Structure formats: structure tokens, C-alpha cells
Amino acid sequence: MAATLGFSAGVMILVSFVELLQQGIRTIGFGPAHLAFFASMLMMFLLDNAIPHDYMAEHNLPGNIHINKNLARTGLLVALGIGIHNFPEGLAVFVGGLSNLKLGAAIAFAIALHNIPEGIAVSVPVYAATGSRRKAFIWSALSGLAEPLGAVVAALLLLPFLNPGLLGIILSAVAGIMVFISIDELVPTSRACGYEHLSIVGFVIGMMVMALSLWVMGP
């Protein structure tokens, strides 16, 4: 998990700075692109403070959890928080794919990797409280469905008005969202797994793999 989360963060950060933000700069200029970039980071910061969520459950294996009435509530609250935070990730995949299908696939792959501990964070306390794998799976799946919902909303709201300028703003904003997710969630959670060197190795390999794939795929 340490290596996987680090890998995901490396992919997302390199894509954000090398591809998404650069496309925004080329389209709308240096200043406006960075304004959209930092505005989206501020938005994510405010969202994270208003509706916090964490990965507390991933540090507790099922055999070590004492079943009590608070566990189910914990799982549902974590599911709600993760679901809300997943919404802009769906938008990120949609916009990346709109700009370049291969870029969208790379973003989707990176986000899918970091959704693994999110699913654990939801399902472990629900399963420990109820003993039902079905309920644990359902609540974990529902929190993940916020991502395709974000893509659908983005398609409905953005496509009718999409033009090069708006796409440049959105690409820059998505870069900010992905950088925030990486530094606020992925890197700290990766290092918290107890294998800090694996976390860094995964991070660097993720950047290298993404750079290589962008080079091979070309424009």
C-alpha cells in the first residue's frame, strides 16, 4: 500500500504539472492558468476542512477491531466524506479524457489506485460492526459512485459551453485538485503505512512511468 499510494501520487503530480497545467498555460496564459490552479487548491482545502475524512480504518485489521455500535456510524461517515471528496476526482478524469483520451486513462488509473485504501476505510468498520460483507461492499461502492456522478455532472454542465478558453481554465483547475489530493492524502497516507522508503520509491517510479508514457505516446 505504501508503494502503491506513492506511485499514484507521483503519477498525479507529474501529469498535473507537465500536462494539465501546461495545456492551460498554452491556452489561456501563465497568469490565468495559475490563478485557476491555486483557486482550485483553495476550494479543495475549504472542502476538506468543511467535510473532513480520513483513512483511520485502514490502520485497523478486522481481527483487531472490537465490535461496537460506533463502528457502523464511523464507516458511514467515512463513506459520506470520501464520496464528497471523490466528486471532483470524477471531474478530473472526465476533463483529462476530454483533452486527450490517453491522458484521461492515465488519470483514471492513478485515482483507481488510491481508491483502494478508501474502500478499506469504509468497508472495515461497517463489516466489523455488522458482520455483513454485503453491507460493507455496498457502502464502499456507493462512496466510489460519486466519481462517475462527478463526470456526468461535468458533462451536462460543461459540454454545452465548452470552448478552448474554458477548457484551459478547467485543465488548470483540475491540476490543482490533483496536486492537493496528492499532498494532502496520498503522500501522508503512504508514509503512514510504515515503509517510508517504499513510499518515496513508489512516488519516483510513478513519475518516471508517467513521464515515459507521455514521451512514448507523444502529442
C-alpha atoms as a PDB file:
ATOM      1  CA  MET A   1       0.000   0.000   0.000  1.00  0.00           C
ATOM      2  CA  ALA A   2       2.877   2.384   0.764  1.00  0.00           C
ATOM      3  CA  ALA A   3       4.398   1.837  -2.675  1.00  0.00           C
ATOM      4  CA  THR A   4       1.034   1.906  -4.469  1.00  0.00           C
ATOM      5  CA  LEU A   5      -0.116   5.166  -2.911  1.00  0.00           C
ATOM      6  CA  GLY A   6       3.284   6.742  -3.537  1.00  0.00           C
ATOM      7  CA  PHE A   7       3.127   5.583  -7.161  1.00  0.00           C
ATOM      8  CA  SER A   8      -0.336   7.095  -7.559  1.00  0.00           C
ATOM      9  CA  ALA A   9       0.816  10.421  -6.108  1.00  0.00           C
ATOM     10  CA  GLY A  10       3.826  10.502  -8.438  1.00  0.00           C
ATOM     11  CA  VAL A  11       1.630   9.890 -11.479  1.00  0.00           C
ATOM     12  CA  MET A  12      -0.893  12.556 -10.492  1.00  0.00           C
ATOM     13  CA  ILE A  13       1.668  15.240  -9.664  1.00  0.00           C
ATOM     14  CA  LEU A  14       3.677  14.753 -12.846  1.00  0.00           C
ATOM     15  CA  VAL A  15       0.534  14.754 -15.000  1.00  0.00           C
ATOM     16  CA  SER A  16      -0.680  17.889 -13.255  1.00  0.00           C
ATOM     17  CA  PHE A  17       2.469  19.958 -13.781  1.00  0.00           C
ATOM     18  CA  VAL A  18       3.725  18.548 -17.078  1.00  0.00           C
ATOM     19  CA  GLU A  19       0.474  18.054 -18.949  1.00  0.00           C
ATOM     20  CA  LEU A  20      -2.645  19.665 -17.460  1.00  0.00           C
ATOM     21  CA  LEU A  21      -1.206  22.960 -16.181  1.00  0.00           C
ATOM     22  CA  GLN A  22       0.998  23.331 -19.261  1.00  0.00           C
ATOM     23  CA  GLN A  23      -2.015  22.946 -21.548  1.00  0.00           C
ATOM     24  CA  GLY A  24      -3.830  25.568 -19.501  1.00  0.00           C
ATOM     25  CA  ILE A  25      -0.880  27.962 -19.815  1.00  0.00           C
ATOM     26  CA  ARG A  26      -0.706  27.459 -23.581  1.00  0.00           C
ATOM     27  CA  THR A  27      -4.444  28.098 -23.912  1.00  0.00           C
ATOM     28  CA  ILE A  28      -5.206  30.984 -21.546  1.00  0.00           C
ATOM     29  CA  GLY A  29      -1.790  32.279 -20.488  1.00  0.00           C
ATOM     30  CA  PHE A  30       0.515  31.920 -17.489  1.00  0.00           C
ATOM     31  CA  GLY A  31      -1.333  34.181 -15.038  1.00  0.00           C
ATOM     32  CA  PRO A  32      -4.921  32.987 -15.588  1.00  0.00           C
ATOM     33  CA  ALA A  33      -3.831  29.338 -15.624  1.00  0.00           C
ATOM     34  CA  HIS A  34      -2.075  29.652 -12.277  1.00  0.00           C
ATOM     35  CA  LEU A  35      -4.986  31.622 -10.848  1.00  0.00           C
ATOM     36  CA  ALA A  36      -7.316  28.720 -11.724  1.00  0.00           C
ATOM     37  CA  PHE A  37      -4.724  26.251 -10.370  1.00  0.00           C
ATOM     38  CA  PHE A  38      -4.450  27.893  -6.947  1.00  0.00           C
ATOM     39  CA  ALA A  39      -8.179  28.708  -6.750  1.00  0.00           C
ATOM     40  CA  SER A  40      -8.992  25.001  -7.124  1.00  0.00           C
ATOM     41  CA  MET A  41      -6.468  24.133  -4.404  1.00  0.00           C
ATOM     42  CA  LEU A  42      -8.146  26.658  -2.114  1.00  0.00           C
ATOM     43  CA  MET A  43     -11.537  25.139  -2.946  1.00  0.00           C
ATOM     44  CA  MET A  44     -10.284  21.667  -2.043  1.00  0.00           C
ATOM     45  CA  PHE A  45      -8.753  22.978   1.185  1.00  0.00           C
ATOM     46  CA  LEU A  46     -12.073  24.544   2.218  1.00  0.00           C
ATOM     47  CA  LEU A  47     -13.956  21.372   1.268  1.00  0.00           C
ATOM     48  CA  ASP A  48     -11.509  19.228   3.226  1.00  0.00           C
ATOM     49  CA  ASN A  49     -11.974  21.373   6.323  1.00  0.00           C
ATOM     50  CA  ALA A  50     -15.753  21.577   5.989  1.00  0.00           C
ATOM     51  CA  ILE A  51     -16.189  17.833   5.397  1.00  0.00           C
ATOM     52  CA  PRO A  52     -13.116  16.023   6.765  1.00  0.00           C
ATOM     53  CA  HIS A  53     -12.450  12.375   6.103  1.00  0.00           C
ATOM     54  CA  ASP A  54      -9.566  10.111   6.967  1.00  0.00           C
ATOM     55  CA  TYR A  55      -8.230   6.608   6.485  1.00  0.00           C
ATOM     56  CA  MET A  56      -8.483   5.621  10.142  1.00  0.00           C
ATOM     57  CA  ALA A  57      -9.902   2.201   9.299  1.00  0.00           C
ATOM     58  CA  GLU A  58      -7.006   1.132   7.120  1.00  0.00           C
ATOM     59  CA  HIS A  59      -4.762   1.062  10.183  1.00  0.00           C
ATOM     60  CA  ASN A  60      -7.037  -1.471  11.906  1.00  0.00           C
ATOM     61  CA  LEU A  61      -7.240  -5.001  10.604  1.00  0.00           C
ATOM     62  CA  PRO A  62     -10.622  -6.744  11.090  1.00  0.00           C
ATOM     63  CA  GLY A  63      -9.176  -9.117  13.673  1.00  0.00           C
ATOM     64  CA  ASN A  64      -8.070  -6.220  15.844  1.00  0.00           C
ATOM     65  CA  ILE A  65     -11.348  -4.289  15.851  1.00  0.00           C
ATOM     66  CA  HIS A  66     -13.729  -4.619  18.776  1.00  0.00           C
ATOM     67  CA  ILE A  67     -17.291  -4.620  17.500  1.00  0.00           C
ATOM     68  CA  ASN A  68     -19.356  -1.780  18.964  1.00  0.00           C
ATOM     69  CA  LYS A  69     -22.234   0.422  17.986  1.00  0.00           C
ATOM     70  CA  ASN A  70     -19.975   3.294  16.900  1.00  0.00           C
ATOM     71  CA  LEU A  71     -18.206   1.354  14.162  1.00  0.00           C
ATOM     72  CA  ALA A  72     -21.125   1.329  11.737  1.00  0.00           C
ATOM     73  CA  ARG A  73     -21.603   5.072  12.220  1.00  0.00           C
ATOM     74  CA  THR A  74     -17.869   5.590  11.665  1.00  0.00           C
ATOM     75  CA  GLY A  75     -17.969   3.637   8.397  1.00  0.00           C
ATOM     76  CA  LEU A  76     -20.982   5.548   7.101  1.00  0.00           C
ATOM     77  CA  LEU A  77     -19.485   8.924   7.966  1.00  0.00           C
ATOM     78  CA  VAL A  78     -16.218   7.995   6.285  1.00  0.00           C
ATOM     79  CA  ALA A  79     -18.219   6.827   3.242  1.00  0.00           C
ATOM     80  CA  LEU A  80     -20.019  10.182   3.106  1.00  0.00           C
ATOM     81  CA  GLY A  81     -16.805  12.159   3.409  1.00  0.00           C
ATOM     82  CA  ILE A  82     -14.972  10.083   0.807  1.00  0.00           C
ATOM     83  CA  GLY A  83     -17.950  10.236  -1.539  1.00  0.00           C
ATOM     84  CA  ILE A  84     -17.972  14.035  -1.447  1.00  0.00           C
ATOM     85  CA  HIS A  85     -14.214  14.175  -1.972  1.00  0.00           C
ATOM     86  CA  ASN A  86     -14.496  11.716  -4.883  1.00  0.00           C
ATOM     87  CA  PHE A  87     -16.810  14.030  -6.812  1.00  0.00           C
ATOM     88  CA  PRO A  88     -14.047  16.357  -8.137  1.00  0.00           C
ATOM     89  CA  GLU A  89     -11.925  13.308  -8.971  1.00  0.00           C
ATOM     90  CA  GLY A  90     -14.613  12.203 -11.426  1.00  0.00           C
ATOM     91  CA  LEU A  91     -14.481  15.669 -12.943  1.00  0.00           C
ATOM     92  CA  ALA A  92     -10.687  15.355 -13.237  1.00  0.00           C
ATOM     93  CA  VAL A  93     -10.921  12.091 -15.182  1.00  0.00           C
ATOM     94  CA  PHE A  94     -13.641  13.499 -17.455  1.00  0.00           C
ATOM     95  CA  VAL A  95     -11.716  16.668 -18.294  1.00  0.00           C
ATOM     96  CA  GLY A  96      -8.456  14.773 -18.788  1.00  0.00           C
ATOM     97  CA  GLY A  97     -10.174  12.377 -21.179  1.00  0.00           C
ATOM     98  CA  LEU A  98     -11.826  15.286 -22.969  1.00  0.00           C
ATOM     99  CA  SER A  99      -8.434  16.833 -23.605  1.00  0.00           C
ATOM    100  CA  ASN A 100      -6.699  13.566 -24.512  1.00  0.00           C
ATOM    101  CA  LEU A 101      -8.105  10.061 -24.176  1.00  0.00           C
ATOM    102  CA  LYS A 102      -4.762   8.542 -23.149  1.00  0.00           C
ATOM    103  CA  LEU A 103      -4.260  11.299 -20.560  1.00  0.00           C
ATOM    104  CA  GLY A 104      -7.722  10.601 -19.150  1.00  0.00           C
ATOM    105  CA  ALA A 105      -6.872   6.897 -18.901  1.00  0.00           C
ATOM    106  CA  ALA A 106      -3.657   7.690 -17.007  1.00  0.00           C
ATOM    107  CA  ILE A 107      -5.519   9.921 -14.539  1.00  0.00           C
ATOM    108  CA  ALA A 108      -8.195   7.254 -14.066  1.00  0.00           C
ATOM    109  CA  PHE A 109      -5.513   4.629 -13.340  1.00  0.00           C
ATOM    110  CA  ALA A 110      -3.817   6.814 -10.720  1.00  0.00           C
ATOM    111  CA  ILE A 111      -7.109   7.654  -8.996  1.00  0.00           C
ATOM    112  CA  ALA A 112      -8.177   3.994  -9.066  1.00  0.00           C
ATOM    113  CA  LEU A 113      -5.011   3.027  -7.189  1.00  0.00           C
ATOM    114  CA  HIS A 114      -5.667   5.452  -4.364  1.00  0.00           C
ATOM    115  CA  ASN A 115      -9.312   4.388  -4.151  1.00  0.00           C
ATOM    116  CA  ILE A 116      -8.142   1.042  -2.721  1.00  0.00           C
ATOM    117  CA  PRO A 117      -7.416   2.374   0.805  1.00  0.00           C
ATOM    118  CA  GLU A 118     -10.562   4.494   0.605  1.00  0.00           C
ATOM    119  CA  GLY A 119     -12.600   1.324   0.079  1.00  0.00           C
ATOM    120  CA  ILE A 120     -10.823  -0.273   3.036  1.00  0.00           C
ATOM    121  CA  ALA A 121     -11.541   2.787   5.189  1.00  0.00           C
ATOM    122  CA  VAL A 122     -15.274   2.391   4.561  1.00  0.00           C
ATOM    123  CA  SER A 123     -15.733  -1.372   4.474  1.00  0.00           C
ATOM    124  CA  VAL A 124     -13.659  -2.444   7.507  1.00  0.00           C
ATOM    125  CA  PRO A 125     -15.659  -0.638  10.235  1.00  0.00           C
ATOM    126  CA  VAL A 126     -19.005  -1.485   8.589  1.00  0.00           C
ATOM    127  CA  TYR A 127     -18.074  -5.165   8.344  1.00  0.00           C
ATOM    128  CA  ALA A 128     -16.735  -5.223  11.899  1.00  0.00           C
ATOM    129  CA  ALA A 129     -19.943  -3.661  13.227  1.00  0.00           C
ATOM    130  CA  THR A 130     -22.470  -5.674  11.202  1.00  0.00           C
ATOM    131  CA  GLY A 131     -20.636  -8.871  10.217  1.00  0.00           C
ATOM    132  CA  SER A 132     -22.099  -8.389   6.735  1.00  0.00           C
ATOM    133  CA  ARG A 133     -19.748  -8.411   3.756  1.00  0.00           C
ATOM    134  CA  ARG A 134     -22.660  -7.312   1.600  1.00  0.00           C
ATOM    135  CA  LYS A 135     -23.274  -4.133   3.599  1.00  0.00           C
ATOM    136  CA  ALA A 136     -19.558  -3.357   3.711  1.00  0.00           C
ATOM    137  CA  PHE A 137     -19.324  -3.750  -0.056  1.00  0.00           C
ATOM    138  CA  ILE A 138     -22.446  -1.687  -0.758  1.00  0.00           C
ATOM    139  CA  TRP A 139     -21.352   1.306   1.328  1.00  0.00           C
ATOM    140  CA  SER A 140     -17.853   1.180  -0.092  1.00  0.00           C
ATOM    141  CA  ALA A 141     -19.234   1.018  -3.638  1.00  0.00           C
ATOM    142  CA  LEU A 142     -21.668   3.880  -3.029  1.00  0.00           C
ATOM    143  CA  SER A 143     -18.835   6.157  -1.888  1.00  0.00           C
ATOM    144  CA  GLY A 144     -16.991   5.357  -5.128  1.00  0.00           C
ATOM    145  CA  LEU A 145     -20.024   6.083  -7.320  1.00  0.00           C
ATOM    146  CA  ALA A 146     -19.525   9.778  -6.577  1.00  0.00           C
ATOM    147  CA  GLU A 147     -16.750   9.771  -9.194  1.00  0.00           C
ATOM    148  CA  PRO A 148     -18.830   8.785 -12.246  1.00  0.00           C
ATOM    149  CA  LEU A 149     -21.510  11.129 -10.892  1.00  0.00           C
ATOM    150  CA  GLY A 150     -18.938  13.933 -10.980  1.00  0.00           C
ATOM    151  CA  ALA A 151     -18.136  13.050 -14.599  1.00  0.00           C
ATOM    152  CA  VAL A 152     -21.828  13.053 -15.557  1.00  0.00           C
ATOM    153  CA  VAL A 153     -22.429  16.434 -13.922  1.00  0.00           C
ATOM    154  CA  ALA A 154     -19.335  17.834 -15.636  1.00  0.00           C
ATOM    155  CA  ALA A 155     -20.578  16.544 -18.995  1.00  0.00           C
ATOM    156  CA  LEU A 156     -24.045  18.033 -18.532  1.00  0.00           C
ATOM    157  CA  LEU A 157     -22.806  21.416 -17.303  1.00  0.00           C
ATOM    158  CA  LEU A 158     -19.639  21.935 -19.333  1.00  0.00           C
ATOM    159  CA  LEU A 159     -20.125  20.393 -22.766  1.00  0.00           C
ATOM    160  CA  PRO A 160     -22.801  22.866 -23.964  1.00  0.00           C
ATOM    161  CA  PHE A 161     -20.490  25.810 -23.203  1.00  0.00           C
ATOM    162  CA  LEU A 162     -17.094  24.263 -23.857  1.00  0.00           C
ATOM    163  CA  ASN A 163     -14.555  26.346 -25.768  1.00  0.00           C
ATOM    164  CA  PRO A 164     -10.724  26.471 -25.737  1.00  0.00           C
ATOM    165  CA  GLY A 165     -10.635  29.175 -23.059  1.00  0.00           C
ATOM    166  CA  LEU A 166     -12.976  27.335 -20.693  1.00  0.00           C
ATOM    167  CA  LEU A 167     -11.109  24.070 -21.280  1.00  0.00           C
ATOM    168  CA  GLY A 168      -7.825  25.800 -20.373  1.00  0.00           C
ATOM    169  CA  ILE A 169      -9.334  27.063 -17.119  1.00  0.00           C
ATOM    170  CA  ILE A 170     -10.732  23.635 -16.263  1.00  0.00           C
ATOM    171  CA  LEU A 171      -7.481  21.809 -17.058  1.00  0.00           C
ATOM    172  CA  SER A 172      -5.543  24.188 -14.800  1.00  0.00           C
ATOM    173  CA  ALA A 173      -8.137  23.803 -12.028  1.00  0.00           C
ATOM    174  CA  VAL A 174      -8.059  20.014 -12.309  1.00  0.00           C
ATOM    175  CA  ALA A 175      -4.270  20.128 -11.968  1.00  0.00           C
ATOM    176  CA  GLY A 176      -4.711  21.998  -8.686  1.00  0.00           C
ATOM    177  CA  ILE A 177      -7.257  19.451  -7.453  1.00  0.00           C
ATOM    178  CA  MET A 178      -4.952  16.539  -8.222  1.00  0.00           C
ATOM    179  CA  VAL A 179      -1.894  18.165  -6.618  1.00  0.00           C
ATOM    180  CA  PHE A 180      -3.920  18.884  -3.475  1.00  0.00           C
ATOM    181  CA  ILE A 181      -5.185  15.296  -3.288  1.00  0.00           C
ATOM    182  CA  SER A 182      -1.631  14.029  -3.681  1.00  0.00           C
ATOM    183  CA  ILE A 183      -0.025  16.175  -0.977  1.00  0.00           C
ATOM    184  CA  ASP A 184      -2.974  16.146   1.428  1.00  0.00           C
ATOM    185  CA  GLU A 185      -3.968  12.474   1.221  1.00  0.00           C
ATOM    186  CA  LEU A 186      -1.782  10.186  -0.837  1.00  0.00           C
ATOM    187  CA  VAL A 187       1.741  11.043   0.322  1.00  0.00           C
ATOM    188  CA  PRO A 188       0.902  11.304   4.072  1.00  0.00           C
ATOM    189  CA  THR A 189      -1.148   8.080   3.980  1.00  0.00           C
ATOM    190  CA  SER A 190       1.567   6.306   2.034  1.00  0.00           C
ATOM    191  CA  ARG A 191       4.229   7.255   4.586  1.00  0.00           C
ATOM    192  CA  ALA A 192       1.918   6.359   7.468  1.00  0.00           C
ATOM    193  CA  CYS A 193       1.895   2.733   6.300  1.00  0.00           C
ATOM    194  CA  GLY A 194       5.289   2.377   7.968  1.00  0.00           C
ATOM    195  CA  TYR A 195       7.514   1.963   4.912  1.00  0.00           C
ATOM    196  CA  GLU A 196       8.720   5.487   4.189  1.00  0.00           C
ATOM    197  CA  HIS A 197      11.415   4.419   1.731  1.00  0.00           C
ATOM    198  CA  LEU A 198       8.935   2.349  -0.271  1.00  0.00           C
ATOM    199  CA  SER A 199       6.651   5.368  -0.328  1.00  0.00           C
ATOM    200  CA  ILE A 200       9.347   7.540  -1.900  1.00  0.00           C
ATOM    201  CA  VAL A 201      10.433   4.785  -4.292  1.00  0.00           C
ATOM    202  CA  GLY A 202       6.827   4.337  -5.416  1.00  0.00           C
ATOM    203  CA  PHE A 203       6.471   8.104  -5.849  1.00  0.00           C
ATOM    204  CA  VAL A 204       9.567   8.389  -8.037  1.00  0.00           C
ATOM    205  CA  ILE A 205       8.678   5.304 -10.083  1.00  0.00           C
ATOM    206  CA  GLY A 206       5.177   6.705 -10.618  1.00  0.00           C
ATOM    207  CA  MET A 207       6.651   9.937 -12.004  1.00  0.00           C
ATOM    208  CA  MET A 208       9.098   8.006 -14.194  1.00  0.00           C
ATOM    209  CA  VAL A 209       6.392   5.721 -15.593  1.00  0.00           C
ATOM    210  CA  MET A 210       4.127   8.670 -16.333  1.00  0.00           C
ATOM    211  CA  ALA A 211       6.933  10.651 -17.962  1.00  0.00           C
ATOM    212  CA  LEU A 212       7.897   7.633 -20.079  1.00  0.00           C
ATOM    213  CA  SER A 213       4.311   7.028 -21.158  1.00  0.00           C
ATOM    214  CA  LEU A 214       3.823  10.687 -22.139  1.00  0.00           C
ATOM    215  CA  TRP A 215       7.078  10.573 -24.094  1.00  0.00           C
ATOM    216  CA  VAL A 216       6.142   7.361 -25.890  1.00  0.00           C
ATOM    217  CA  MET A 217       2.578   8.470 -26.627  1.00  0.00           C
ATOM    218  CA  GLY A 218       3.776  11.820 -27.934  1.00  0.00           C
ATOM    219  CA  PRO A 219       1.461  14.791 -28.530  1.00  0.00           C
END
